[in-house]
């Protein structure tokens, strides 16, 4: 009943202090899901407004489910000897906030702005 005493079934795969993957067993019981939403400050009405699809699906019964997701980009960071994951991710913005292959972001010309029907104004 005390939310501070709640436990999760979660797990991490750690290599030399670096998290390579993480996973959990998801909530599959309606009573626990409702308690968690209440603990997060949702009224029953707000919970149904935001998560009605999930709560309705749960009335049919969910099997216990879970999994793990590996962060291959983190493994690539370690193998490449990098200290920042931004240097190895597939669609990176490096520490200078640019994409190394195309040097994005680039300036947008007026034709592109007009083609998209956008209006740009100066902000002071």
PDB file of N, CA and C in Angstrom:
ATOM      1  N   UNK A   1       0.812  -1.200   0.000  1.00  0.00           N
ATOM      2  CA  UNK A   1       0.000   0.000   0.000  1.00  0.00           C
ATOM      3  C   UNK A   1       0.856   1.265   0.000  1.00  0.00           C
ATOM      4  N   UNK A   2       2.039   1.220   0.597  1.00  0.00           N
ATOM      5  CA  UNK A   2       2.938   2.375   0.621  1.00  0.00           C
ATOM      6  C   UNK A   2       3.741   2.401  -0.677  1.00  0.00           C
ATOM      7  N   UNK A   3       3.562   3.454  -1.501  1.00  0.00           N
ATOM      8  CA  UNK A   3       4.283   3.493  -2.780  1.00  0.00           C
ATOM      9  C   UNK A   3       5.802   3.453  -2.632  1.00  0.00           C
ATOM     10  N   UNK A   4       6.301   3.891  -1.488  1.00  0.00           N
ATOM     11  CA  UNK A   4       7.749   3.862  -1.272  1.00  0.00           C
ATOM     12  C   UNK A   4       8.272   2.446  -1.055  1.00  0.00           C
ATOM     13  N   UNK A   5       7.371   1.518  -0.828  1.00  0.00           N
ATOM     14  CA  UNK A   5       7.757   0.124  -0.632  1.00  0.00           C
ATOM     15  C   UNK A   5       7.570  -0.714  -1.895  1.00  0.00           C
ATOM     16  N   UNK A   6       7.183  -0.071  -2.995  1.00  0.00           N
ATOM     17  CA  UNK A   6       6.953  -0.799  -4.249  1.00  0.00           C
ATOM     18  C   UNK A   6       8.281  -1.316  -4.803  1.00  0.00           C
ATOM     19  N   UNK A   7       8.228  -2.465  -5.421  1.00  0.00           N
ATOM     20  CA  UNK A   7       9.401  -3.068  -6.044  1.00  0.00           C
ATOM     21  C   UNK A   7       9.116  -3.293  -7.519  1.00  0.00           C
ATOM     22  N   UNK A   8      10.129  -3.167  -8.324  1.00  0.00           N
ATOM     23  CA  UNK A   8      10.012  -3.446  -9.758  1.00  0.00           C
ATOM     24  C   UNK A   8      10.826  -4.691 -10.072  1.00  0.00           C
ATOM     25  N   UNK A   9      10.410  -5.399 -11.087  1.00  0.00           N
ATOM     26  CA  UNK A   9      11.210  -6.514 -11.590  1.00  0.00           C
ATOM     27  C   UNK A   9      11.977  -5.967 -12.788  1.00  0.00           C
ATOM     28  N   UNK A  10      13.141  -5.405 -12.503  1.00  0.00           N
ATOM     29  CA  UNK A  10      13.939  -4.805 -13.569  1.00  0.00           C
ATOM     30  C   UNK A  10      15.378  -5.273 -13.446  1.00  0.00           C
ATOM     31  N   UNK A  11      16.101  -5.146 -14.534  1.00  0.00           N
ATOM     32  CA  UNK A  11      17.465  -5.647 -14.569  1.00  0.00           C
ATOM     33  C   UNK A  11      18.278  -4.837 -15.561  1.00  0.00           C
ATOM     34  N   UNK A  12      19.577  -4.794 -15.321  1.00  0.00           N
ATOM     35  CA  UNK A  12      20.521  -4.088 -16.183  1.00  0.00           C
ATOM     36  C   UNK A  12      21.676  -5.013 -16.523  1.00  0.00           C
ATOM     37  N   UNK A  13      22.228  -4.816 -17.699  1.00  0.00           N
ATOM     38  CA  UNK A  13      23.451  -5.496 -18.101  1.00  0.00           C
ATOM     39  C   UNK A  13      24.553  -4.446 -18.057  1.00  0.00           C
ATOM     40  N   UNK A  14      25.524  -4.647 -17.164  1.00  0.00           N
ATOM     41  CA  UNK A  14      26.565  -3.653 -16.923  1.00  0.00           C
ATOM     42  C   UNK A  14      27.922  -4.272 -17.200  1.00  0.00           C
ATOM     43  N   UNK A  15      28.773  -3.522 -17.904  1.00  0.00           N
ATOM     44  CA  UNK A  15      30.135  -3.953 -18.196  1.00  0.00           C
ATOM     45  C   UNK A  15      31.090  -2.868 -17.728  1.00  0.00           C
ATOM     46  N   UNK A  16      31.903  -3.187 -16.745  1.00  0.00           N
ATOM     47  CA  UNK A  16      32.893  -2.237 -16.219  1.00  0.00           C
ATOM     48  C   UNK A  16      32.276  -0.880 -15.884  1.00  0.00           C
ATOM     49  N   UNK A  17      31.088  -0.905 -15.312  1.00  0.00           N
ATOM     50  CA  UNK A  17      30.428   0.326 -14.900  1.00  0.00           C
ATOM     51  C   UNK A  17      29.592   0.996 -15.972  1.00  0.00           C
ATOM     52  N   UNK A  18      29.576   0.477 -17.186  1.00  0.00           N
ATOM     53  CA  UNK A  18      28.776   1.038 -18.275  1.00  0.00           C
ATOM     54  C   UNK A  18      27.530   0.181 -18.484  1.00  0.00           C
ATOM     55  N   UNK A  19      26.377   0.820 -18.482  1.00  0.00           N
ATOM     56  CA  UNK A  19      25.131   0.101 -18.730  1.00  0.00           C
ATOM     57  C   UNK A  19      25.016  -0.190 -20.223  1.00  0.00           C
ATOM     58  N   UNK A  20      24.962  -1.467 -20.563  1.00  0.00           N
ATOM     59  CA  UNK A  20      24.837  -1.876 -21.964  1.00  0.00           C
ATOM     60  C   UNK A  20      23.405  -2.233 -22.335  1.00  0.00           C
ATOM     61  N   UNK A  21      22.599  -2.553 -21.357  1.00  0.00           N
ATOM     62  CA  UNK A  21      21.218  -2.926 -21.629  1.00  0.00           C
ATOM     63  C   UNK A  21      20.392  -2.828 -20.375  1.00  0.00           C
ATOM     64  N   UNK A  22      19.091  -2.789 -20.582  1.00  0.00           N
ATOM     65  CA  UNK A  22      18.183  -2.654 -19.464  1.00  0.00           C
ATOM     66  C   UNK A  22      16.841  -3.257 -19.846  1.00  0.00           C
ATOM     67  N   UNK A  23      16.145  -3.784 -18.874  1.00  0.00           N
ATOM     68  CA  UNK A  23      14.848  -4.378 -19.155  1.00  0.00           C
ATOM     69  C   UNK A  23      14.036  -4.549 -17.897  1.00  0.00           C
ATOM     70  N   UNK A  24      12.825  -5.055 -18.082  1.00  0.00           N
ATOM     71  CA  UNK A  24      11.949  -5.271 -16.934  1.00  0.00           C
ATOM     72  C   UNK A  24      10.779  -6.151 -17.322  1.00  0.00           C
ATOM     73  N   UNK A  25      10.095  -6.610 -16.304  1.00  0.00           N
ATOM     74  CA  UNK A  25       8.795  -7.246 -16.476  1.00  0.00           C
ATOM     75  C   UNK A  25       7.777  -6.122 -16.320  1.00  0.00           C
ATOM     76  N   UNK A  26       6.928  -5.947 -17.300  1.00  0.00           N
ATOM     77  CA  UNK A  26       5.954  -4.859 -17.302  1.00  0.00           C
ATOM     78  C   UNK A  26       4.782  -5.163 -16.375  1.00  0.00           C
ATOM     79  N   UNK A  27       4.114  -4.090 -15.962  1.00  0.00           N
ATOM     80  CA  UNK A  27       2.906  -4.251 -15.154  1.00  0.00           C
ATOM     81  C   UNK A  27       1.855  -4.931 -16.023  1.00  0.00           C
ATOM     82  N   UNK A  28       1.309  -6.024 -15.522  1.00  0.00           N
ATOM     83  CA  UNK A  28       0.296  -6.743 -16.296  1.00  0.00           C
ATOM     84  C   UNK A  28      -0.976  -6.990 -15.487  1.00  0.00           C
ATOM     85  N   UNK A  29      -1.039  -6.380 -14.306  1.00  0.00           N
ATOM     86  CA  UNK A  29      -2.243  -6.509 -13.474  1.00  0.00           C
ATOM     87  C   UNK A  29      -2.913  -5.150 -13.353  1.00  0.00           C
ATOM     88  N   UNK A  30      -4.221  -5.116 -13.619  1.00  0.00           N
ATOM     89  CA  UNK A  30      -4.985  -3.871 -13.595  1.00  0.00           C
ATOM     90  C   UNK A  30      -4.903  -3.175 -12.241  1.00  0.00           C
ATOM     91  N   UNK A  31      -5.002  -3.910 -11.132  1.00  0.00           N
ATOM     92  CA  UNK A  31      -4.990  -3.278  -9.812  1.00  0.00           C
ATOM     93  C   UNK A  31      -3.666  -2.561  -9.549  1.00  0.00           C
ATOM     94  N   UNK A  32      -2.573  -3.153  -9.974  1.00  0.00           N
ATOM     95  CA  UNK A  32      -1.264  -2.514  -9.774  1.00  0.00           C
ATOM     96  C   UNK A  32      -1.128  -1.302 -10.688  1.00  0.00           C
ATOM     97  N   UNK A  33      -1.578  -1.417 -11.930  1.00  0.00           N
ATOM     98  CA  UNK A  33      -1.497  -0.291 -12.864  1.00  0.00           C
ATOM     99  C   UNK A  33      -2.291   0.894 -12.329  1.00  0.00           C
ATOM    100  N   UNK A  34      -3.485   0.648 -11.820  1.00  0.00           N
ATOM    101  CA  UNK A  34      -4.299   1.735 -11.269  1.00  0.00           C
ATOM    102  C   UNK A  34      -3.619   2.372 -10.058  1.00  0.00           C
ATOM    103  N   UNK A  35      -2.996   1.570  -9.198  1.00  0.00           N
ATOM    104  CA  UNK A  35      -2.277   2.115  -8.038  1.00  0.00           C
ATOM    105  C   UNK A  35      -1.096   2.975  -8.485  1.00  0.00           C
ATOM    106  N   UNK A  36      -0.389   2.522  -9.505  1.00  0.00           N
ATOM    107  CA  UNK A  36       0.763   3.287  -9.994  1.00  0.00           C
ATOM    108  C   UNK A  36       0.316   4.622 -10.587  1.00  0.00           C
ATOM    109  N   UNK A  37      -0.755   4.604 -11.360  1.00  0.00           N
ATOM    110  CA  UNK A  37      -1.256   5.851 -11.941  1.00  0.00           C
ATOM    111  C   UNK A  37      -1.714   6.808 -10.841  1.00  0.00           C
ATOM    112  N   UNK A  38      -2.360   6.273  -9.814  1.00  0.00           N
ATOM    113  CA  UNK A  38      -2.777   7.104  -8.681  1.00  0.00           C
ATOM    114  C   UNK A  38      -1.554   7.689  -7.978  1.00  0.00           C
ATOM    115  N   UNK A  39      -0.511   6.876  -7.775  1.00  0.00           N
ATOM    116  CA  UNK A  39       0.716   7.352  -7.125  1.00  0.00           C
ATOM    117  C   UNK A  39       1.392   8.447  -7.943  1.00  0.00           C
ATOM    118  N   UNK A  40       1.198   8.409  -9.255  1.00  0.00           N
ATOM    119  CA  UNK A  40       1.770   9.435 -10.131  1.00  0.00           C
ATOM    120  C   UNK A  40       0.903  10.687 -10.203  1.00  0.00           C
ATOM    121  N   UNK A  41      -0.238  10.671  -9.488  1.00  0.00           N
ATOM    122  CA  UNK A  41      -1.081  11.859  -9.416  1.00  0.00           C
ATOM    123  C   UNK A  41      -2.244  11.881 -10.387  1.00  0.00           C
ATOM    124  N   UNK A  42      -2.498  10.781 -11.080  1.00  0.00           N
ATOM    125  CA  UNK A  42      -3.624  10.728 -12.010  1.00  0.00           C
ATOM    126  C   UNK A  42      -4.915  10.435 -11.255  1.00  0.00           C
ATOM    127  N   UNK A  43      -5.950  11.201 -11.541  1.00  0.00           N
ATOM    128  CA  UNK A  43      -7.283  10.826 -11.082  1.00  0.00           C
ATOM    129  C   UNK A  43      -7.747   9.690 -11.986  1.00  0.00           C
ATOM    130  N   UNK A  44      -8.752   8.925 -11.571  1.00  0.00           N
ATOM    131  CA  UNK A  44      -9.247   7.872 -12.466  1.00  0.00           C
ATOM    132  C   UNK A  44      -9.691   8.422 -13.828  1.00  0.00           C
ATOM    133  N   UNK A  45     -10.300   9.615 -13.814  1.00  0.00           N
ATOM    134  CA  UNK A  45     -10.749  10.224 -15.071  1.00  0.00           C
ATOM    135  C   UNK A  45      -9.558  10.589 -15.960  1.00  0.00           C
ATOM    136  N   UNK A  46      -8.540  11.217 -15.361  1.00  0.00           N
ATOM    137  CA  UNK A  46      -7.353  11.610 -16.134  1.00  0.00           C
ATOM    138  C   UNK A  46      -6.611  10.382 -16.644  1.00  0.00           C
ATOM    139  N   UNK A  47      -6.571   9.326 -15.838  1.00  0.00           N
ATOM    140  CA  UNK A  47      -5.904   8.091 -16.261  1.00  0.00           C
ATOM    141  C   UNK A  47      -6.612   7.496 -17.469  1.00  0.00           C
ATOM    142  N   UNK A  48      -7.940   7.481 -17.443  1.00  0.00           N
ATOM    143  CA  UNK A  48      -8.683   6.926 -18.580  1.00  0.00           C
ATOM    144  C   UNK A  48      -8.573   7.821 -19.805  1.00  0.00           C
ATOM    145  N   UNK A  49      -8.474   9.132 -19.587  1.00  0.00           N
ATOM    146  CA  UNK A  49      -8.296  10.048 -20.720  1.00  0.00           C
ATOM    147  C   UNK A  49      -6.951   9.801 -21.403  1.00  0.00           C
ATOM    148  N   UNK A  50      -5.897   9.654 -20.609  1.00  0.00           N
ATOM    149  CA  UNK A  50      -4.550   9.498 -21.164  1.00  0.00           C
ATOM    150  C   UNK A  50      -4.226   8.062 -21.559  1.00  0.00           C
ATOM    151  N   UNK A  51      -4.721   7.102 -20.803  1.00  0.00           N
ATOM    152  CA  UNK A  51      -4.316   5.705 -20.998  1.00  0.00           C
ATOM    153  C   UNK A  51      -5.501   4.755 -21.132  1.00  0.00           C
ATOM    154  N   UNK A  52      -6.639   5.277 -21.587  1.00  0.00           N
ATOM    155  CA  UNK A  52      -7.831   4.452 -21.712  1.00  0.00           C
ATOM    156  C   UNK A  52      -7.619   3.214 -22.563  1.00  0.00           C
ATOM    157  N   UNK A  53      -6.868   3.358 -23.643  1.00  0.00           N
ATOM    158  CA  UNK A  53      -6.582   2.222 -24.533  1.00  0.00           C
ATOM    159  C   UNK A  53      -5.874   1.099 -23.775  1.00  0.00           C
ATOM    160  N   UNK A  54      -4.933   1.469 -22.923  1.00  0.00           N
ATOM    161  CA  UNK A  54      -4.184   0.480 -22.150  1.00  0.00           C
ATOM    162  C   UNK A  54      -5.071  -0.156 -21.083  1.00  0.00           C
ATOM    163  N   UNK A  55      -5.784   0.687 -20.350  1.00  0.00           N
ATOM    164  CA  UNK A  55      -6.627   0.178 -19.273  1.00  0.00           C
ATOM    165  C   UNK A  55      -7.750  -0.695 -19.822  1.00  0.00           C
ATOM    166  N   UNK A  56      -8.316  -0.308 -20.957  1.00  0.00           N
ATOM    167  CA  UNK A  56      -9.357  -1.134 -21.570  1.00  0.00           C
ATOM    168  C   UNK A  56      -8.775  -2.479 -22.008  1.00  0.00           C
ATOM    169  N   UNK A  57      -7.596  -2.457 -22.601  1.00  0.00           N
ATOM    170  CA  UNK A  57      -6.939  -3.699 -23.007  1.00  0.00           C
ATOM    171  C   UNK A  57      -6.653  -4.609 -21.830  1.00  0.00           C
ATOM    172  N   UNK A  58      -6.326  -4.004 -20.695  1.00  0.00           N
ATOM    173  CA  UNK A  58      -6.009  -4.801 -19.506  1.00  0.00           C
ATOM    174  C   UNK A  58      -7.228  -5.547 -18.972  1.00  0.00           C
ATOM    175  N   UNK A  59      -8.426  -5.067 -19.284  1.00  0.00           N
ATOM    176  CA  UNK A  59      -9.621  -5.770 -18.801  1.00  0.00           C
ATOM    177  C   UNK A  59      -9.732  -7.156 -19.427  1.00  0.00           C
ATOM    178  N   UNK A  60      -9.083  -7.366 -20.572  1.00  0.00           N
ATOM    179  CA  UNK A  60      -9.098  -8.676 -21.225  1.00  0.00           C
ATOM    180  C   UNK A  60      -7.997  -9.587 -20.688  1.00  0.00           C
ATOM    181  N   UNK A  61      -7.091  -9.015 -19.901  1.00  0.00           N
ATOM    182  CA  UNK A  61      -6.006  -9.793 -19.306  1.00  0.00           C
ATOM    183  C   UNK A  61      -4.736  -9.706 -20.131  1.00  0.00           C
ATOM    184  N   UNK A  62      -3.657  -9.345 -19.484  1.00  0.00           N
ATOM    185  CA  UNK A  62      -2.341  -9.299 -20.111  1.00  0.00           C
ATOM    186  C   UNK A  62      -1.518 -10.453 -19.566  1.00  0.00           C
ATOM    187  N   UNK A  63      -0.793 -11.147 -20.389  1.00  0.00           N
ATOM    188  CA  UNK A  63       0.149 -12.124 -19.850  1.00  0.00           C
ATOM    189  C   UNK A  63       1.365 -11.388 -19.288  1.00  0.00           C
ATOM    190  N   UNK A  64       2.051 -11.981 -18.343  1.00  0.00           N
ATOM    191  CA  UNK A  64       3.314 -11.371 -17.915  1.00  0.00           C
ATOM    192  C   UNK A  64       4.224 -11.210 -19.128  1.00  0.00           C
ATOM    193  N   UNK A  65       4.822 -10.032 -19.258  1.00  0.00           N
ATOM    194  CA  UNK A  65       5.661  -9.767 -20.428  1.00  0.00           C
ATOM    195  C   UNK A  65       6.852  -8.929 -20.006  1.00  0.00           C
ATOM    196  N   UNK A  66       7.907  -9.053 -20.742  1.00  0.00           N
ATOM    197  CA  UNK A  66       9.089  -8.277 -20.444  1.00  0.00           C
ATOM    198  C   UNK A  66      10.143  -8.510 -21.493  1.00  0.00           C
ATOM    199  N   UNK A  67      11.256  -7.902 -21.292  1.00  0.00           N
ATOM    200  CA  UNK A  67      12.348  -8.061 -22.229  1.00  0.00           C
ATOM    201  C   UNK A  67      13.521  -7.207 -21.818  1.00  0.00           C
ATOM    202  N   UNK A  68      14.488  -7.170 -22.692  1.00  0.00           N
ATOM    203  CA  UNK A  68      15.688  -6.364 -22.460  1.00  0.00           C
ATOM    204  C   UNK A  68      16.060  -5.702 -23.778  1.00  0.00           C
ATOM    205  N   UNK A  69      16.524  -4.486 -23.692  1.00  0.00           N
ATOM    206  CA  UNK A  69      16.995  -3.764 -24.869  1.00  0.00           C
ATOM    207  C   UNK A  69      18.480  -3.479 -24.675  1.00  0.00           C
ATOM    208  N   UNK A  70      19.256  -3.893 -25.637  1.00  0.00           N
ATOM    209  CA  UNK A  70      20.699  -3.664 -25.576  1.00  0.00           C
ATOM    210  C   UNK A  70      21.033  -2.346 -26.250  1.00  0.00           C
ATOM    211  N   UNK A  71      21.925  -1.608 -25.655  1.00  0.00           N
ATOM    212  CA  UNK A  71      22.391  -0.357 -26.233  1.00  0.00           C
ATOM    213  C   UNK A  71      23.646  -0.623 -27.054  1.00  0.00           C
ATOM    214  N   UNK A  72      23.445  -1.034 -28.306  1.00  0.00           N
ATOM    215  CA  UNK A  72      24.605  -1.336 -29.150  1.00  0.00           C
ATOM    216  C   UNK A  72      25.473  -0.104 -29.364  1.00  0.00           C
ATOM    217  N   UNK A  73      24.852   1.080 -29.316  1.00  0.00           N
ATOM    218  CA  UNK A  73      25.636   2.301 -29.440  1.00  0.00           C
ATOM    219  C   UNK A  73      26.584   2.459 -28.253  1.00  0.00           C
ATOM    220  N   UNK A  74      26.162   2.034 -27.085  1.00  0.00           N
ATOM    221  CA  UNK A  74      27.049   2.091 -25.914  1.00  0.00           C
ATOM    222  C   UNK A  74      28.202   1.106 -26.054  1.00  0.00           C
ATOM    223  N   UNK A  75      27.914  -0.078 -26.579  1.00  0.00           N
ATOM    224  CA  UNK A  75      28.973  -1.052 -26.817  1.00  0.00           C
ATOM    225  C   UNK A  75      29.950  -0.514 -27.862  1.00  0.00           C
ATOM    226  N   UNK A  76      29.423   0.113 -28.917  1.00  0.00           N
ATOM    227  CA  UNK A  76      30.285   0.713 -29.943  1.00  0.00           C
ATOM    228  C   UNK A  76      31.160   1.806 -29.340  1.00  0.00           C
ATOM    229  N   UNK A  77      30.611   2.576 -28.414  1.00  0.00           N
ATOM    230  CA  UNK A  77      31.384   3.623 -27.746  1.00  0.00           C
ATOM    231  C   UNK A  77      32.579   3.018 -27.016  1.00  0.00           C
ATOM    232  N   UNK A  78      32.338   1.915 -26.297  1.00  0.00           N
ATOM    233  CA  UNK A  78      33.425   1.270 -25.563  1.00  0.00           C
ATOM    234  C   UNK A  78      34.459   0.677 -26.506  1.00  0.00           C
ATOM    235  N   UNK A  79      33.989   0.004 -27.565  1.00  0.00           N
ATOM    236  CA  UNK A  79      34.916  -0.618 -28.515  1.00  0.00           C
ATOM    237  C   UNK A  79      35.742   0.419 -29.270  1.00  0.00           C
ATOM    238  N   UNK A  80      35.146   1.597 -29.511  1.00  0.00           N
ATOM    239  CA  UNK A  80      35.858   2.658 -30.231  1.00  0.00           C
ATOM    240  C   UNK A  80      36.728   3.498 -29.304  1.00  0.00           C
ATOM    241  N   UNK A  81      36.654   3.237 -28.009  1.00  0.00           N
ATOM    242  CA  UNK A  81      37.470   3.991 -27.065  1.00  0.00           C
ATOM    243  C   UNK A  81      37.001   5.423 -26.877  1.00  0.00           C
ATOM    244  N   UNK A  82      35.732   5.680 -27.126  1.00  0.00           N
ATOM    245  CA  UNK A  82      35.186   7.025 -26.969  1.00  0.00           C
ATOM    246  C   UNK A  82      34.622   7.195 -25.563  1.00  0.00           C
ATOM    247  N   UNK A  83      34.598   8.431 -25.101  1.00  0.00           N
ATOM    248  CA  UNK A  83      34.033   8.703 -23.785  1.00  0.00           C
ATOM    249  C   UNK A  83      32.621   9.244 -23.868  1.00  0.00           C
ATOM    250  N   UNK A  84      32.199   9.675 -25.068  1.00  0.00           N
ATOM    251  CA  UNK A  84      30.876  10.262 -25.241  1.00  0.00           C
ATOM    252  C   UNK A  84      30.115   9.474 -26.293  1.00  0.00           C
ATOM    253  N   UNK A  85      28.919   9.017 -25.949  1.00  0.00           N
ATOM    254  CA  UNK A  85      28.116   8.199 -26.860  1.00  0.00           C
ATOM    255  C   UNK A  85      27.739   8.956 -28.130  1.00  0.00           C
ATOM    256  N   UNK A  86      27.699  10.287 -28.055  1.00  0.00           N
ATOM    257  CA  UNK A  86      27.348  11.084 -29.233  1.00  0.00           C
ATOM    258  C   UNK A  86      28.342  10.904 -30.377  1.00  0.00           C
ATOM    259  N   UNK A  87      29.521  10.461 -30.067  1.00  0.00           N
ATOM    260  CA  UNK A  87      30.538  10.286 -31.104  1.00  0.00           C
ATOM    261  C   UNK A  87      30.325   9.023 -31.929  1.00  0.00           C
ATOM    262  N   UNK A  88      29.443   8.119 -31.494  1.00  0.00           N
ATOM    263  CA  UNK A  88      29.281   6.847 -32.211  1.00  0.00           C
ATOM    264  C   UNK A  88      27.841   6.508 -32.579  1.00  0.00           C
ATOM    265  N   UNK A  89      26.847   7.292 -32.149  1.00  0.00           N
ATOM    266  CA  UNK A  89      25.466   6.914 -32.445  1.00  0.00           C
ATOM    267  C   UNK A  89      25.160   7.060 -33.928  1.00  0.00           C
ATOM    268  N   UNK A  90      24.153   6.339 -34.381  1.00  0.00           N
ATOM    269  CA  UNK A  90      23.846   6.250 -35.812  1.00  0.00           C
ATOM    270  C   UNK A  90      23.478   7.594 -36.428  1.00  0.00           C
ATOM    271  N   UNK A  91      22.740   8.414 -35.738  1.00  0.00           N
ATOM    272  CA  UNK A  91      22.347   9.720 -36.261  1.00  0.00           C
ATOM    273  C   UNK A  91      22.815  10.772 -35.271  1.00  0.00           C
ATOM    274  N   UNK A  92      24.131  10.995 -35.239  1.00  0.00           N
ATOM    275  CA  UNK A  92      24.711  11.748 -34.132  1.00  0.00           C
ATOM    276  C   UNK A  92      24.592  13.252 -34.251  1.00  0.00           C
ATOM    277  N   UNK A  93      24.568  13.839 -33.128  1.00  0.00           N
ATOM    278  CA  UNK A  93      24.927  15.229 -32.958  1.00  0.00           C
ATOM    279  C   UNK A  93      26.115  15.124 -32.018  1.00  0.00           C
ATOM    280  N   UNK A  94      27.280  15.517 -32.470  1.00  0.00           N
ATOM    281  CA  UNK A  94      28.447  15.379 -31.607  1.00  0.00           C
ATOM    282  C   UNK A  94      28.430  16.447 -30.523  1.00  0.00           C
ATOM    283  N   UNK A  95      29.491  16.570 -29.781  1.00  0.00           N
ATOM    284  CA  UNK A  95      29.518  17.515 -28.665  1.00  0.00           C
ATOM    285  C   UNK A  95      29.416  18.964 -29.126  1.00  0.00           C
ATOM    286  N   UNK A  96      29.601  19.210 -30.422  1.00  0.00           N
ATOM    287  CA  UNK A  96      29.424  20.553 -30.980  1.00  0.00           C
ATOM    288  C   UNK A  96      28.035  20.723 -31.597  1.00  0.00           C
ATOM    289  N   UNK A  97      27.141  19.749 -31.388  1.00  0.00           N
ATOM    290  CA  UNK A  97      25.757  19.767 -31.887  1.00  0.00           C
ATOM    291  C   UNK A  97      25.690  19.778 -33.410  1.00  0.00           C
ATOM    292  N   UNK A  98      26.681  19.175 -34.067  1.00  0.00           N
ATOM    293  CA  UNK A  98      26.632  19.027 -35.521  1.00  0.00           C
ATOM    294  C   UNK A  98      26.684  17.551 -35.866  1.00  0.00           C
ATOM    295  N   UNK A  99      26.161  17.229 -37.043  1.00  0.00           N
ATOM    296  CA  UNK A  99      26.185  15.854 -37.534  1.00  0.00           C
ATOM    297  C   UNK A  99      27.425  15.733 -38.411  1.00  0.00           C
ATOM    298  N   UNK A 100      28.361  14.861 -38.074  1.00  0.00           N
ATOM    299  CA  UNK A 100      29.664  14.834 -38.739  1.00  0.00           C
ATOM    300  C   UNK A 100      29.642  14.589 -40.250  1.00  0.00           C
ATOM    301  N   UNK A 101      28.708  13.799 -40.756  1.00  0.00           N
ATOM    302  CA  UNK A 101      28.709  13.471 -42.186  1.00  0.00           C
ATOM    303  C   UNK A 101      28.215  14.627 -43.050  1.00  0.00           C
ATOM    304  N   UNK A 102      27.162  15.308 -42.601  1.00  0.00           N
ATOM    305  CA  UNK A 102      26.558  16.359 -43.426  1.00  0.00           C
ATOM    306  C   UNK A 102      26.779  17.752 -42.870  1.00  0.00           C
ATOM    307  N   UNK A 103      27.368  17.821 -41.691  1.00  0.00           N
ATOM    308  CA  UNK A 103      27.564  19.081 -40.977  1.00  0.00           C
ATOM    309  C   UNK A 103      26.241  19.753 -40.610  1.00  0.00           C
ATOM    310  N   UNK A 104      25.156  18.981 -40.550  1.00  0.00           N
ATOM    311  CA  UNK A 104      23.861  19.525 -40.133  1.00  0.00           C
ATOM    312  C   UNK A 104      23.950  19.943 -38.666  1.00  0.00           C
ATOM    313  N   UNK A 105      23.234  20.929 -38.234  1.00  0.00           N
ATOM    314  CA  UNK A 105      22.210  21.639 -38.988  1.00  0.00           C
ATOM    315  C   UNK A 105      22.819  22.706 -39.891  1.00  0.00           C
ATOM    316  N   UNK A 106      22.187  22.895 -41.024  1.00  0.00           N
ATOM    317  CA  UNK A 106      22.607  23.933 -41.960  1.00  0.00           C
ATOM    318  C   UNK A 106      21.520  24.993 -42.022  1.00  0.00           C
ATOM    319  N   UNK A 107      21.857  26.109 -42.613  1.00  0.00           N
ATOM    320  CA  UNK A 107      20.871  27.182 -42.746  1.00  0.00           C
ATOM    321  C   UNK A 107      19.805  26.774 -43.756  1.00  0.00           C
ATOM    322  N   UNK A 108      18.618  27.252 -43.556  1.00  0.00           N
ATOM    323  CA  UNK A 108      17.506  26.983 -44.459  1.00  0.00           C
ATOM    324  C   UNK A 108      17.328  28.203 -45.344  1.00  0.00           C
ATOM    325  N   UNK A 109      17.241  27.971 -46.667  1.00  0.00           N
ATOM    326  CA  UNK A 109      17.074  29.125 -47.552  1.00  0.00           C
ATOM    327  C   UNK A 109      15.603  29.533 -47.633  1.00  0.00           C
ATOM    328  N   UNK A 110      15.367  30.736 -48.155  1.00  0.00           N
ATOM    329  CA  UNK A 110      14.011  31.291 -48.209  1.00  0.00           C
ATOM    330  C   UNK A 110      13.075  30.441 -49.057  1.00  0.00           C
ATOM    331  N   UNK A 111      13.583  29.824 -50.127  1.00  0.00           N
ATOM    332  CA  UNK A 111      12.733  28.991 -50.980  1.00  0.00           C
ATOM    333  C   UNK A 111      12.175  27.809 -50.185  1.00  0.00           C
ATOM    334  N   UNK A 112      13.030  27.164 -49.379  1.00  0.00           N
ATOM    335  CA  UNK A 112      12.554  26.046 -48.562  1.00  0.00           C
ATOM    336  C   UNK A 112      11.481  26.500 -47.575  1.00  0.00           C
ATOM    337  N   UNK A 113      11.691  27.657 -46.973  1.00  0.00           N
ATOM    338  CA  UNK A 113      10.720  28.195 -46.023  1.00  0.00           C
ATOM    339  C   UNK A 113       9.393  28.446 -46.728  1.00  0.00           C
ATOM    340  N   UNK A 114       9.446  29.071 -47.912  1.00  0.00           N
ATOM    341  CA  UNK A 114       8.222  29.359 -48.663  1.00  0.00           C
ATOM    342  C   UNK A 114       7.537  28.082 -49.125  1.00  0.00           C
ATOM    343  N   UNK A 115       8.315  27.101 -49.607  1.00  0.00           N
ATOM    344  CA  UNK A 115       7.734  25.833 -50.071  1.00  0.00           C
ATOM    345  C   UNK A 115       6.951  25.136 -48.959  1.00  0.00           C
ATOM    346  N   UNK A 116       7.416  25.276 -47.736  1.00  0.00           N
ATOM    347  CA  UNK A 116       6.759  24.628 -46.600  1.00  0.00           C
ATOM    348  C   UNK A 116       5.646  25.475 -45.996  1.00  0.00           C
ATOM    349  N   UNK A 117       5.467  26.686 -46.528  1.00  0.00           N
ATOM    350  CA  UNK A 117       4.408  27.555 -46.012  1.00  0.00           C
ATOM    351  C   UNK A 117       4.696  28.074 -44.616  1.00  0.00           C
ATOM    352  N   UNK A 118       5.972  28.244 -44.310  1.00  0.00           N
ATOM    353  CA  UNK A 118       6.357  28.713 -42.983  1.00  0.00           C
ATOM    354  C   UNK A 118       6.560  30.214 -42.984  1.00  0.00           C
ATOM    355  N   UNK A 119       6.437  30.814 -41.819  1.00  0.00           N
ATOM    356  CA  UNK A 119       6.712  32.229 -41.638  1.00  0.00           C
ATOM    357  C   UNK A 119       7.804  32.342 -40.592  1.00  0.00           C
ATOM    358  N   UNK A 120       8.854  33.065 -40.914  1.00  0.00           N
ATOM    359  CA  UNK A 120       9.975  33.232 -39.995  1.00  0.00           C
ATOM    360  C   UNK A 120      10.058  34.692 -39.610  1.00  0.00           C
ATOM    361  N   UNK A 121      10.157  34.960 -38.324  1.00  0.00           N
ATOM    362  CA  UNK A 121      10.303  36.336 -37.866  1.00  0.00           C
ATOM    363  C   UNK A 121      11.511  36.422 -36.951  1.00  0.00           C
ATOM    364  N   UNK A 122      12.075  37.592 -36.867  1.00  0.00           N
ATOM    365  CA  UNK A 122      13.199  37.814 -35.967  1.00  0.00           C
ATOM    366  C   UNK A 122      12.668  37.992 -34.553  1.00  0.00           C
ATOM    367  N   UNK A 123      13.334  37.372 -33.608  1.00  0.00           N
ATOM    368  CA  UNK A 123      12.954  37.491 -32.205  1.00  0.00           C
ATOM    369  C   UNK A 123      14.057  38.245 -31.495  1.00  0.00           C
ATOM    370  N   UNK A 124      13.651  39.244 -30.735  1.00  0.00           N
ATOM    371  CA  UNK A 124      14.656  40.023 -30.007  1.00  0.00           C
ATOM    372  C   UNK A 124      14.657  39.665 -28.556  1.00  0.00           C
TER     373      UNK A 124
END
